[in-house]
Amino acid sequence: MAAANKAVLGPLVGAVDQGTSSTRFLVFNSKTAELLSHHHVELKQEFPKEGWVEQDPKEILNSVYECIEKTCEKLGQLNIDISNIKGRVGCSVLAFWTYSGAILFFSCHCEDDT
């Protein structure tokens, strides 16, 4: 529910788009499809062999958090409140860790399917 001092445009829809080269978070007015705010972060890529891209899953997750945080800060500056976030994943993430949380192995693999 929007705070009394926040503009009510809603409902608003936020979308995380995490691809092979970057992460974005975009917020739209669901009635007009107007883009109200967004933030974009480039990701580091490694190319171990032709046609493969590997990325650090912790960097990916942190980029999602950063994009959401920065976008919501921008919305706050516009005096706008947000109510819904959707996400899309385009890569395969493989991670192994212990019960105590120690990371043993992780890899993010994206295939070139274009």
PDB file of N, CA and C in Angstrom:
ATOM      1  N   MET A   1       0.844  -1.187   0.000  1.00  0.00           N
ATOM      2  CA  MET A   1       0.000   0.000   0.000  1.00  0.00           C
ATOM      3  C   MET A   1       0.882   1.241   0.000  1.00  0.00           C
ATOM      4  N   ALA A   2       0.557   2.201  -0.816  1.00  0.00           N
ATOM      5  CA  ALA A   2       1.357   3.412  -0.944  1.00  0.00           C
ATOM      6  C   ALA A   2       1.200   4.284   0.293  1.00  0.00           C
ATOM      7  N   ALA A   3       2.289   4.895   0.715  1.00  0.00           N
ATOM      8  CA  ALA A   3       2.248   5.812   1.840  1.00  0.00           C
ATOM      9  C   ALA A   3       1.459   7.050   1.436  1.00  0.00           C
ATOM     10  N   ALA A   4       0.920   7.757   2.428  1.00  0.00           N
ATOM     11  CA  ALA A   4       0.063   8.908   2.163  1.00  0.00           C
ATOM     12  C   ALA A   4       0.783  10.000   1.381  1.00  0.00           C
ATOM     13  N   ASN A   5       2.087  10.155   1.590  1.00  0.00           N
ATOM     14  CA  ASN A   5       2.818  11.216   0.905  1.00  0.00           C
ATOM     15  C   ASN A   5       3.411  10.776  -0.430  1.00  0.00           C
ATOM     16  N   LYS A   6       3.129   9.565  -0.865  1.00  0.00           N
ATOM     17  CA  LYS A   6       3.645   9.059  -2.136  1.00  0.00           C
ATOM     18  C   LYS A   6       2.581   9.180  -3.220  1.00  0.00           C
ATOM     19  N   ALA A   7       3.005   9.474  -4.444  1.00  0.00           N
ATOM     20  CA  ALA A   7       2.083   9.550  -5.575  1.00  0.00           C
ATOM     21  C   ALA A   7       1.540   8.159  -5.872  1.00  0.00           C
ATOM     22  N   VAL A   8       0.247   8.075  -6.152  1.00  0.00           N
ATOM     23  CA  VAL A   8      -0.374   6.795  -6.478  1.00  0.00           C
ATOM     24  C   VAL A   8      -0.626   6.774  -7.979  1.00  0.00           C
ATOM     25  N   LEU A   9       0.208   6.060  -8.712  1.00  0.00           N
ATOM     26  CA  LEU A   9       0.075   5.934 -10.155  1.00  0.00           C
ATOM     27  C   LEU A   9      -0.424   4.559 -10.529  1.00  0.00           C
ATOM     28  N   GLY A  10      -0.415   3.694  -9.617  1.00  0.00           N
ATOM     29  CA  GLY A  10      -0.477   2.256  -9.759  1.00  0.00           C
ATOM     30  C   GLY A  10      -1.670   1.659 -10.453  1.00  0.00           C
ATOM     31  N   PRO A  11      -1.536   0.357 -10.491  1.00  0.00           N
ATOM     32  CA  PRO A  11      -0.383  -0.329  -9.911  1.00  0.00           C
ATOM     33  C   PRO A  11       0.851  -0.181 -10.795  1.00  0.00           C
ATOM     34  N   LEU A  12       2.004  -0.200 -10.150  1.00  0.00           N
ATOM     35  CA  LEU A  12       3.277  -0.161 -10.866  1.00  0.00           C
ATOM     36  C   LEU A  12       3.808  -1.577 -10.990  1.00  0.00           C
ATOM     37  N   VAL A  13       4.569  -1.823 -12.037  1.00  0.00           N
ATOM     38  CA  VAL A  13       5.181  -3.129 -12.240  1.00  0.00           C
ATOM     39  C   VAL A  13       6.680  -2.924 -12.420  1.00  0.00           C
ATOM     40  N   GLY A  14       7.462  -3.667 -11.645  1.00  0.00           N
ATOM     41  CA  GLY A  14       8.914  -3.634 -11.771  1.00  0.00           C
ATOM     42  C   GLY A  14       9.392  -4.935 -12.382  1.00  0.00           C
ATOM     43  N   ALA A  15      10.345  -4.858 -13.299  1.00  0.00           N
ATOM     44  CA  ALA A  15      10.856  -6.057 -13.959  1.00  0.00           C
ATOM     45  C   ALA A  15      12.376  -6.094 -13.889  1.00  0.00           C
ATOM     46  N   VAL A  16      12.918  -7.241 -13.438  1.00  0.00           N
ATOM     47  CA  VAL A  16      14.357  -7.477 -13.470  1.00  0.00           C
ATOM     48  C   VAL A  16      14.663  -8.198 -14.776  1.00  0.00           C
ATOM     49  N   ASP A  17      15.571  -7.644 -15.571  1.00  0.00           N
ATOM     50  CA  ASP A  17      16.025  -8.286 -16.806  1.00  0.00           C
ATOM     51  C   ASP A  17      17.509  -8.569 -16.626  1.00  0.00           C
ATOM     52  N   GLN A  18      17.840  -9.831 -16.365  1.00  0.00           N
ATOM     53  CA  GLN A  18      19.234 -10.211 -16.139  1.00  0.00           C
ATOM     54  C   GLN A  18      19.685 -11.013 -17.345  1.00  0.00           C
ATOM     55  N   GLY A  19      20.562 -10.429 -18.148  1.00  0.00           N
ATOM     56  CA  GLY A  19      21.043 -11.088 -19.357  1.00  0.00           C
ATOM     57  C   GLY A  19      22.515 -11.416 -19.272  1.00  0.00           C
ATOM     58  N   THR A  20      23.113 -11.771 -20.397  1.00  0.00           N
ATOM     59  CA  THR A  20      24.515 -12.180 -20.403  1.00  0.00           C
ATOM     60  C   THR A  20      25.484 -11.020 -20.237  1.00  0.00           C
ATOM     61  N   SER A  21      25.083  -9.808 -20.580  1.00  0.00           N
ATOM     62  CA  SER A  21      26.018  -8.686 -20.493  1.00  0.00           C
ATOM     63  C   SER A  21      25.664  -7.677 -19.412  1.00  0.00           C
ATOM     64  N   SER A  22      24.431  -7.720 -18.910  1.00  0.00           N
ATOM     65  CA  SER A  22      24.038  -6.714 -17.932  1.00  0.00           C
ATOM     66  C   SER A  22      22.789  -7.140 -17.170  1.00  0.00           C
ATOM     67  N   THR A  23      22.530  -6.372 -16.121  1.00  0.00           N
ATOM     68  CA  THR A  23      21.303  -6.506 -15.337  1.00  0.00           C
ATOM     69  C   THR A  23      20.602  -5.164 -15.376  1.00  0.00           C
ATOM     70  N   ARG A  24      19.278  -5.193 -15.484  1.00  0.00           N
ATOM     71  CA  ARG A  24      18.474  -3.970 -15.443  1.00  0.00           C
ATOM     72  C   ARG A  24      17.276  -4.204 -14.539  1.00  0.00           C
ATOM     73  N   PHE A  25      16.815  -3.134 -13.936  1.00  0.00           N
ATOM     74  CA  PHE A  25      15.533  -3.150 -13.237  1.00  0.00           C
ATOM     75  C   PHE A  25      14.757  -1.957 -13.755  1.00  0.00           C
ATOM     76  N   LEU A  26      13.552  -2.222 -14.250  1.00  0.00           N
ATOM     77  CA  LEU A  26      12.711  -1.187 -14.852  1.00  0.00           C
ATOM     78  C   LEU A  26      11.371  -1.161 -14.131  1.00  0.00           C
ATOM     79  N   VAL A  27      10.816   0.018 -13.954  1.00  0.00           N
ATOM     80  CA  VAL A  27       9.509   0.172 -13.323  1.00  0.00           C
ATOM     81  C   VAL A  27       8.588   0.918 -14.279  1.00  0.00           C
ATOM     82  N   PHE A  28       7.417   0.310 -14.507  1.00  0.00           N
ATOM     83  CA  PHE A  28       6.423   0.848 -15.438  1.00  0.00           C
ATOM     84  C   PHE A  28       5.112   1.123 -14.725  1.00  0.00           C
ATOM     85  N   ASN A  29       4.365   2.096 -15.241  1.00  0.00           N
ATOM     86  CA  ASN A  29       2.968   2.264 -14.864  1.00  0.00           C
ATOM     87  C   ASN A  29       2.198   1.203 -15.641  1.00  0.00           C
ATOM     88  N   SER A  30       1.516   0.302 -14.947  1.00  0.00           N
ATOM     89  CA  SER A  30       0.867  -0.818 -15.634  1.00  0.00           C
ATOM     90  C   SER A  30      -0.338  -0.395 -16.473  1.00  0.00           C
ATOM     91  N   LYS A  31      -0.890   0.778 -16.213  1.00  0.00           N
ATOM     92  CA  LYS A  31      -2.047   1.234 -16.993  1.00  0.00           C
ATOM     93  C   LYS A  31      -1.633   1.910 -18.299  1.00  0.00           C
ATOM     94  N   THR A  32      -0.472   2.594 -18.282  1.00  0.00           N
ATOM     95  CA  THR A  32      -0.048   3.359 -19.460  1.00  0.00           C
ATOM     96  C   THR A  32       1.204   2.794 -20.125  1.00  0.00           C
ATOM     97  N   ALA A  33       1.876   1.843 -19.473  1.00  0.00           N
ATOM     98  CA  ALA A  33       3.146   1.261 -19.930  1.00  0.00           C
ATOM     99  C   ALA A  33       4.277   2.292 -19.958  1.00  0.00           C
ATOM    100  N   GLU A  34       4.094   3.416 -19.290  1.00  0.00           N
ATOM    101  CA  GLU A  34       5.131   4.446 -19.219  1.00  0.00           C
ATOM    102  C   GLU A  34       6.281   3.957 -18.339  1.00  0.00           C
ATOM    103  N   LEU A  35       7.517   4.061 -18.840  1.00  0.00           N
ATOM    104  CA  LEU A  35       8.696   3.740 -18.049  1.00  0.00           C
ATOM    105  C   LEU A  35       8.929   4.888 -17.072  1.00  0.00           C
ATOM    106  N   LEU A  36       8.864   4.581 -15.779  1.00  0.00           N
ATOM    107  CA  LEU A  36       8.998   5.612 -14.757  1.00  0.00           C
ATOM    108  C   LEU A  36      10.423   5.741 -14.234  1.00  0.00           C
ATOM    109  N   SER A  37      11.130   4.627 -14.145  1.00  0.00           N
ATOM    110  CA  SER A  37      12.490   4.649 -13.630  1.00  0.00           C
ATOM    111  C   SER A  37      13.196   3.351 -13.995  1.00  0.00           C
ATOM    112  N   HIS A  38      14.532   3.402 -14.037  1.00  0.00           N
ATOM    113  CA  HIS A  38      15.306   2.189 -14.301  1.00  0.00           C
ATOM    114  C   HIS A  38      16.747   2.389 -13.853  1.00  0.00           C
ATOM    115  N   HIS A  39      17.458   1.272 -13.729  1.00  0.00           N
ATOM    116  CA  HIS A  39      18.897   1.300 -13.456  1.00  0.00           C
ATOM    117  C   HIS A  39      19.520   0.119 -14.179  1.00  0.00           C
ATOM    118  N   HIS A  40      20.771   0.271 -14.616  1.00  0.00           N
ATOM    119  CA  HIS A  40      21.445  -0.705 -15.471  1.00  0.00           C
ATOM    120  C   HIS A  40      22.870  -0.910 -14.962  1.00  0.00           C
ATOM    121  N   VAL A  41      23.304  -2.177 -14.860  1.00  0.00           N
ATOM    122  CA  VAL A  41      24.662  -2.507 -14.421  1.00  0.00           C
ATOM    123  C   VAL A  41      25.277  -3.490 -15.410  1.00  0.00           C
ATOM    124  N   GLU A  42      26.471  -3.171 -15.925  1.00  0.00           N
ATOM    125  CA  GLU A  42      27.205  -4.089 -16.804  1.00  0.00           C
ATOM    126  C   GLU A  42      27.842  -5.188 -15.960  1.00  0.00           C
ATOM    127  N   LEU A  43      27.955  -6.392 -16.526  1.00  0.00           N
ATOM    128  CA  LEU A  43      28.539  -7.535 -15.833  1.00  0.00           C
ATOM    129  C   LEU A  43      29.868  -7.943 -16.457  1.00  0.00           C
ATOM    130  N   LYS A  44      30.772  -8.445 -15.604  1.00  0.00           N
ATOM    131  CA  LYS A  44      32.049  -8.974 -16.085  1.00  0.00           C
ATOM    132  C   LYS A  44      31.787 -10.339 -16.719  1.00  0.00           C
ATOM    133  N   GLN A  45      32.411 -10.594 -17.856  1.00  0.00           N
ATOM    134  CA  GLN A  45      32.233 -11.860 -18.560  1.00  0.00           C
ATOM    135  C   GLN A  45      33.579 -12.532 -18.780  1.00  0.00           C
ATOM    136  N   GLU A  46      33.583 -13.868 -18.714  1.00  0.00           N
ATOM    137  CA  GLU A  46      34.762 -14.659 -19.053  1.00  0.00           C
ATOM    138  C   GLU A  46      34.368 -15.604 -20.177  1.00  0.00           C
ATOM    139  N   PHE A  47      35.281 -15.816 -21.110  1.00  0.00           N
ATOM    140  CA  PHE A  47      35.017 -16.646 -22.284  1.00  0.00           C
ATOM    141  C   PHE A  47      36.004 -17.819 -22.310  1.00  0.00           C
ATOM    142  N   PRO A  48      35.697 -18.924 -21.586  1.00  0.00           N
ATOM    143  CA  PRO A  48      36.638 -20.040 -21.486  1.00  0.00           C
ATOM    144  C   PRO A  48      36.815 -20.815 -22.789  1.00  0.00           C
ATOM    145  N   LYS A  49      35.807 -20.790 -23.638  1.00  0.00           N
ATOM    146  CA  LYS A  49      35.934 -21.402 -24.962  1.00  0.00           C
ATOM    147  C   LYS A  49      34.907 -20.760 -25.885  1.00  0.00           C
ATOM    148  N   GLU A  50      35.077 -20.934 -27.163  1.00  0.00           N
ATOM    149  CA  GLU A  50      34.214 -20.303 -28.152  1.00  0.00           C
ATOM    150  C   GLU A  50      32.749 -20.664 -27.909  1.00  0.00           C
ATOM    151  N   GLY A  51      31.890 -19.636 -27.902  1.00  0.00           N
ATOM    152  CA  GLY A  51      30.457 -19.841 -27.722  1.00  0.00           C
ATOM    153  C   GLY A  51      30.007 -19.917 -26.276  1.00  0.00           C
ATOM    154  N   TRP A  52      30.930 -19.843 -25.313  1.00  0.00           N
ATOM    155  CA  TRP A  52      30.585 -19.917 -23.897  1.00  0.00           C
ATOM    156  C   TRP A  52      30.861 -18.581 -23.220  1.00  0.00           C
ATOM    157  N   VAL A  53      30.016 -18.242 -22.271  1.00  0.00           N
ATOM    158  CA  VAL A  53      30.225 -17.084 -21.409  1.00  0.00           C
ATOM    159  C   VAL A  53      30.049 -17.567 -19.978  1.00  0.00           C
ATOM    160  N   GLU A  54      30.994 -17.244 -19.113  1.00  0.00           N
ATOM    161  CA  GLU A  54      30.860 -17.575 -17.697  1.00  0.00           C
ATOM    162  C   GLU A  54      30.844 -16.293 -16.888  1.00  0.00           C
ATOM    163  N   GLN A  55      30.016 -16.303 -15.823  1.00  0.00           N
ATOM    164  CA  GLN A  55      29.897 -15.142 -14.955  1.00  0.00           C
ATOM    165  C   GLN A  55      29.810 -15.597 -13.507  1.00  0.00           C
ATOM    166  N   ASP A  56      30.166 -14.707 -12.610  1.00  0.00           N
ATOM    167  CA  ASP A  56      30.127 -14.965 -11.177  1.00  0.00           C
ATOM    168  C   ASP A  56      28.683 -14.799 -10.688  1.00  0.00           C
ATOM    169  N   PRO A  57      28.044 -15.867 -10.164  1.00  0.00           N
ATOM    170  CA  PRO A  57      26.650 -15.748  -9.729  1.00  0.00           C
ATOM    171  C   PRO A  57      26.463 -14.762  -8.582  1.00  0.00           C
ATOM    172  N   LYS A  58      27.501 -14.579  -7.741  1.00  0.00           N
ATOM    173  CA  LYS A  58      27.393 -13.580  -6.671  1.00  0.00           C
ATOM    174  C   LYS A  58      27.344 -12.176  -7.262  1.00  0.00           C
ATOM    175  N   GLU A  59      28.126 -11.940  -8.320  1.00  0.00           N
ATOM    176  CA  GLU A  59      28.099 -10.639  -8.988  1.00  0.00           C
ATOM    177  C   GLU A  59      26.727 -10.399  -9.621  1.00  0.00           C
ATOM    178  N   ILE A  60      26.157 -11.445 -10.217  1.00  0.00           N
ATOM    179  CA  ILE A  60      24.827 -11.322 -10.824  1.00  0.00           C
ATOM    180  C   ILE A  60      23.799 -10.952  -9.764  1.00  0.00           C
ATOM    181  N   LEU A  61      23.785 -11.693  -8.650  1.00  0.00           N
ATOM    182  CA  LEU A  61      22.820 -11.422  -7.585  1.00  0.00           C
ATOM    183  C   LEU A  61      23.009 -10.020  -7.018  1.00  0.00           C
ATOM    184  N   ASN A  62      24.258  -9.628  -6.778  1.00  0.00           N
ATOM    185  CA  ASN A  62      24.519  -8.283  -6.262  1.00  0.00           C
ATOM    186  C   ASN A  62      24.091  -7.205  -7.245  1.00  0.00           C
ATOM    187  N   SER A  63      24.226  -7.473  -8.549  1.00  0.00           N
ATOM    188  CA  SER A  63      23.801  -6.484  -9.548  1.00  0.00           C
ATOM    189  C   SER A  63      22.283  -6.321  -9.538  1.00  0.00           C
ATOM    190  N   VAL A  64      21.563  -7.416  -9.283  1.00  0.00           N
ATOM    191  CA  VAL A  64      20.099  -7.330  -9.173  1.00  0.00           C
ATOM    192  C   VAL A  64      19.726  -6.465  -7.977  1.00  0.00           C
ATOM    193  N   TYR A  65      20.356  -6.735  -6.821  1.00  0.00           N
ATOM    194  CA  TYR A  65      20.083  -5.922  -5.627  1.00  0.00           C
ATOM    195  C   TYR A  65      20.389  -4.450  -5.885  1.00  0.00           C
ATOM    196  N   GLU A  66      21.536  -4.170  -6.529  1.00  0.00           N
ATOM    197  CA  GLU A  66      21.923  -2.791  -6.808  1.00  0.00           C
ATOM    198  C   GLU A  66      20.914  -2.103  -7.722  1.00  0.00           C
ATOM    199  N   CYS A  67      20.494  -2.805  -8.774  1.00  0.00           N
ATOM    200  CA  CYS A  67      19.536  -2.212  -9.718  1.00  0.00           C
ATOM    201  C   CYS A  67      18.206  -1.898  -9.039  1.00  0.00           C
ATOM    202  N   ILE A  68      17.717  -2.828  -8.224  1.00  0.00           N
ATOM    203  CA  ILE A  68      16.454  -2.594  -7.520  1.00  0.00           C
ATOM    204  C   ILE A  68      16.601  -1.421  -6.560  1.00  0.00           C
ATOM    205  N   GLU A  69      17.687  -1.405  -5.785  1.00  0.00           N
ATOM    206  CA  GLU A  69      17.900  -0.339  -4.813  1.00  0.00           C
ATOM    207  C   GLU A  69      17.986   1.026  -5.489  1.00  0.00           C
ATOM    208  N   LYS A  70      18.800   1.136  -6.546  1.00  0.00           N
ATOM    209  CA  LYS A  70      18.986   2.427  -7.224  1.00  0.00           C
ATOM    210  C   LYS A  70      17.698   2.898  -7.901  1.00  0.00           C
ATOM    211  N   THR A  71      16.953   1.958  -8.493  1.00  0.00           N
ATOM    212  CA  THR A  71      15.692   2.330  -9.137  1.00  0.00           C
ATOM    213  C   THR A  71      14.692   2.827  -8.106  1.00  0.00           C
ATOM    214  N   CYS A  72      14.602   2.133  -6.979  1.00  0.00           N
ATOM    215  CA  CYS A  72      13.671   2.554  -5.932  1.00  0.00           C
ATOM    216  C   CYS A  72      14.073   3.899  -5.340  1.00  0.00           C
ATOM    217  N   GLU A  73      15.386   4.163  -5.242  1.00  0.00           N
ATOM    218  CA  GLU A  73      15.843   5.486  -4.799  1.00  0.00           C
ATOM    219  C   GLU A  73      15.369   6.563  -5.770  1.00  0.00           C
ATOM    220  N   LYS A  74      15.488   6.299  -7.072  1.00  0.00           N
ATOM    221  CA  LYS A  74      15.030   7.258  -8.084  1.00  0.00           C
ATOM    222  C   LYS A  74      13.525   7.479  -7.980  1.00  0.00           C
ATOM    223  N   LEU A  75      12.770   6.393  -7.748  1.00  0.00           N
ATOM    224  CA  LEU A  75      11.320   6.526  -7.580  1.00  0.00           C
ATOM    225  C   LEU A  75      11.001   7.367  -6.352  1.00  0.00           C
ATOM    226  N   GLY A  76      11.754   7.150  -5.276  1.00  0.00           N
ATOM    227  CA  GLY A  76      11.554   7.936  -4.064  1.00  0.00           C
ATOM    228  C   GLY A  76      11.777   9.418  -4.308  1.00  0.00           C
ATOM    229  N   GLN A  77      12.781   9.755  -5.128  1.00  0.00           N
ATOM    230  CA  GLN A  77      13.039  11.151  -5.467  1.00  0.00           C
ATOM    231  C   GLN A  77      11.886  11.750  -6.267  1.00  0.00           C
ATOM    232  N   LEU A  78      11.162  10.885  -7.000  1.00  0.00           N
ATOM    233  CA  LEU A  78       9.984  11.326  -7.758  1.00  0.00           C
ATOM    234  C   LEU A  78       8.716  11.248  -6.915  1.00  0.00           C
ATOM    235  N   ASN A  79       8.873  10.852  -5.641  1.00  0.00           N
ATOM    236  CA  ASN A  79       7.750  10.699  -4.716  1.00  0.00           C
ATOM    237  C   ASN A  79       6.761   9.635  -5.196  1.00  0.00           C
ATOM    238  N   ILE A  80       7.292   8.527  -5.733  1.00  0.00           N
ATOM    239  CA  ILE A  80       6.480   7.423  -6.259  1.00  0.00           C
ATOM    240  C   ILE A  80       6.774   6.169  -5.454  1.00  0.00           C
ATOM    241  N   ASP A  81       5.736   5.407  -5.139  1.00  0.00           N
ATOM    242  CA  ASP A  81       5.863   4.154  -4.404  1.00  0.00           C
ATOM    243  C   ASP A  81       5.672   2.987  -5.363  1.00  0.00           C
ATOM    244  N   ILE A  82       6.335   1.847  -5.118  1.00  0.00           N
ATOM    245  CA  ILE A  82       6.241   0.669  -5.985  1.00  0.00           C
ATOM    246  C   ILE A  82       5.576  -0.481  -5.233  1.00  0.00           C
ATOM    247  N   SER A  83       4.849  -1.353  -5.988  1.00  0.00           N
ATOM    248  CA  SER A  83       4.112  -2.430  -5.327  1.00  0.00           C
ATOM    249  C   SER A  83       4.389  -3.831  -5.854  1.00  0.00           C
ATOM    250  N   ASN A  84       5.060  -3.999  -7.010  1.00  0.00           N
ATOM    251  CA  ASN A  84       5.192  -5.334  -7.597  1.00  0.00           C
ATOM    252  C   ASN A  84       6.496  -5.451  -8.382  1.00  0.00           C
ATOM    253  N   ILE A  85       7.184  -6.598  -8.251  1.00  0.00           N
ATOM    254  CA  ILE A  85       8.428  -6.850  -8.980  1.00  0.00           C
ATOM    255  C   ILE A  85       8.337  -8.206  -9.658  1.00  0.00           C
ATOM    256  N   LYS A  86       8.703  -8.287 -10.947  1.00  0.00           N
ATOM    257  CA  LYS A  86       8.740  -9.547 -11.705  1.00  0.00           C
ATOM    258  C   LYS A  86      10.167  -9.783 -12.180  1.00  0.00           C
ATOM    259  N   GLY A  87      10.530 -11.036 -12.473  1.00  0.00           N
ATOM    260  CA  GLY A  87      11.889 -11.339 -12.902  1.00  0.00           C
ATOM    261  C   GLY A  87      11.940 -12.318 -14.052  1.00  0.00           C
ATOM    262  N   ARG A  88      13.079 -12.326 -14.787  1.00  0.00           N
ATOM    263  CA  ARG A  88      13.331 -13.251 -15.885  1.00  0.00           C
ATOM    264  C   ARG A  88      14.785 -13.690 -15.790  1.00  0.00           C
ATOM    265  N   VAL A  89      15.037 -14.978 -15.998  1.00  0.00           N
ATOM    266  CA  VAL A  89      16.398 -15.510 -15.937  1.00  0.00           C
ATOM    267  C   VAL A  89      16.762 -16.084 -17.298  1.00  0.00           C
ATOM    268  N   GLY A  90      17.962 -15.751 -17.809  1.00  0.00           N
ATOM    269  CA  GLY A  90      18.364 -16.223 -19.127  1.00  0.00           C
ATOM    270  C   GLY A  90      19.606 -17.092 -19.139  1.00  0.00           C
ATOM    271  N   CYS A  91      20.119 -17.464 -17.972  1.00  0.00           N
ATOM    272  CA  CYS A  91      21.343 -18.270 -17.903  1.00  0.00           C
ATOM    273  C   CYS A  91      21.131 -19.457 -16.977  1.00  0.00           C
ATOM    274  N   SER A  92      22.046 -20.410 -17.071  1.00  0.00           N
ATOM    275  CA  SER A  92      22.065 -21.543 -16.150  1.00  0.00           C
ATOM    276  C   SER A  92      23.125 -21.274 -15.097  1.00  0.00           C
ATOM    277  N   VAL A  93      22.736 -21.358 -13.841  1.00  0.00           N
ATOM    278  CA  VAL A  93      23.666 -21.126 -12.747  1.00  0.00           C
ATOM    279  C   VAL A  93      23.898 -22.439 -12.024  1.00  0.00           C
ATOM    280  N   LEU A  94      25.155 -22.754 -11.783  1.00  0.00           N
ATOM    281  CA  LEU A  94      25.536 -23.965 -11.069  1.00  0.00           C
ATOM    282  C   LEU A  94      26.363 -23.536  -9.869  1.00  0.00           C
ATOM    283  N   ALA A  95      25.915 -23.894  -8.670  1.00  0.00           N
ATOM    284  CA  ALA A  95      26.652 -23.509  -7.468  1.00  0.00           C
ATOM    285  C   ALA A  95      26.568 -24.626  -6.439  1.00  0.00           C
ATOM    286  N   PHE A  96      27.672 -24.873  -5.756  1.00  0.00           N
ATOM    287  CA  PHE A  96      27.731 -25.851  -4.673  1.00  0.00           C
ATOM    288  C   PHE A  96      28.283 -25.153  -3.439  1.00  0.00           C
ATOM    289  N   TRP A  97      27.681 -25.396  -2.281  1.00  0.00           N
ATOM    290  CA  TRP A  97      28.179 -24.827  -1.046  1.00  0.00           C
ATOM    291  C   TRP A  97      27.878 -25.774   0.099  1.00  0.00           C
ATOM    292  N   THR A  98      28.562 -25.552   1.219  1.00  0.00           N
ATOM    293  CA  THR A  98      28.384 -26.395   2.398  1.00  0.00           C
ATOM    294  C   THR A  98      27.198 -25.881   3.207  1.00  0.00           C
ATOM    295  N   TYR A  99      26.762 -26.686   4.187  1.00  0.00           N
ATOM    296  CA  TYR A  99      25.673 -26.255   5.058  1.00  0.00           C
ATOM    297  C   TYR A  99      26.033 -25.005   5.845  1.00  0.00           C
ATOM    298  N   SER A 100      27.311 -24.799   6.091  1.00  0.00           N
ATOM    299  CA  SER A 100      27.738 -23.607   6.828  1.00  0.00           C
ATOM    300  C   SER A 100      27.810 -22.373   5.937  1.00  0.00           C
ATOM    301  N   GLY A 101      27.606 -22.557   4.632  1.00  0.00           N
ATOM    302  CA  GLY A 101      27.594 -21.422   3.717  1.00  0.00           C
ATOM    303  C   GLY A 101      28.878 -21.205   2.945  1.00  0.00           C
ATOM    304  N   ALA A 102      29.891 -22.041   3.175  1.00  0.00           N
ATOM    305  CA  ALA A 102      31.139 -21.906   2.423  1.00  0.00           C
ATOM    306  C   ALA A 102      30.912 -22.347   0.982  1.00  0.00           C
ATOM    307  N   ILE A 103      31.312 -21.507   0.042  1.00  0.00           N
ATOM    308  CA  ILE A 103      31.115 -21.822  -1.371  1.00  0.00           C
ATOM    309  C   ILE A 103      32.230 -22.750  -1.838  1.00  0.00           C
ATOM    310  N   LEU A 104      31.850 -23.889  -2.408  1.00  0.00           N
ATOM    311  CA  LEU A 104      32.814 -24.854  -2.923  1.00  0.00           C
ATOM    312  C   LEU A 104      33.097 -24.623  -4.397  1.00  0.00           C
ATOM    313  N   PHE A 105      32.052 -24.342  -5.172  1.00  0.00           N
ATOM    314  CA  PHE A 105      32.191 -24.172  -6.614  1.00  0.00           C
ATOM    315  C   PHE A 105      30.971 -23.420  -7.115  1.00  0.00           C
ATOM    316  N   PHE A 106      31.185 -22.525  -8.070  1.00  0.00           N
ATOM    317  CA  PHE A 106      30.045 -21.891  -8.717  1.00  0.00           C
ATOM    318  C   PHE A 106      30.421 -21.495 -10.130  1.00  0.00           C
ATOM    319  N   SER A 107      29.436 -21.504 -10.990  1.00  0.00           N
ATOM    320  CA  SER A 107      29.628 -21.133 -12.387  1.00  0.00           C
ATOM    321  C   SER A 107      28.295 -20.673 -12.947  1.00  0.00           C
ATOM    322  N   CYS A 108      28.332 -19.688 -13.798  1.00  0.00           N
ATOM    323  CA  CYS A 108      27.137 -19.248 -14.516  1.00  0.00           C
ATOM    324  C   CYS A 108      27.439 -19.410 -15.996  1.00  0.00           C
ATOM    325  N   HIS A 109      26.641 -20.202 -16.683  1.00  0.00           N
ATOM    326  CA  HIS A 109      26.899 -20.549 -18.080  1.00  0.00           C
ATOM    327  C   HIS A 109      25.761 -20.043 -18.960  1.00  0.00           C
ATOM    328  N   CYS A 110      26.111 -19.313 -20.004  1.00  0.00           N
ATOM    329  CA  CYS A 110      25.131 -18.816 -20.965  1.00  0.00           C
ATOM    330  C   CYS A 110      25.550 -19.277 -22.351  1.00  0.00           C
ATOM    331  N   GLU A 111      24.647 -19.922 -23.055  1.00  0.00           N
ATOM    332  CA  GLU A 111      24.959 -20.396 -24.399  1.00  0.00           C
ATOM    333  C   GLU A 111      24.592 -19.348 -25.432  1.00  0.00           C
ATOM    334  N   ASP A 112      25.377 -19.281 -26.482  1.00  0.00           N
ATOM    335  CA  ASP A 112      25.102 -18.390 -27.602  1.00  0.00           C
ATOM    336  C   ASP A 112      24.105 -19.088 -28.516  1.00  0.00           C
ATOM    337  N   ASP A 113      22.825 -18.760 -28.368  1.00  0.00           N
ATOM    338  CA  ASP A 113      21.790 -19.444 -29.152  1.00  0.00           C
ATOM    339  C   ASP A 113      21.214 -18.570 -30.260  1.00  0.00           C
ATOM    340  N   THR A 114      21.931 -17.504 -30.625  1.00  0.00           N
ATOM    341  CA  THR A 114      21.428 -16.631 -31.691  1.00  0.00           C
ATOM    342  C   THR A 114      21.918 -17.090 -33.039  1.00  0.00           C
TER     343      THR A 114
END
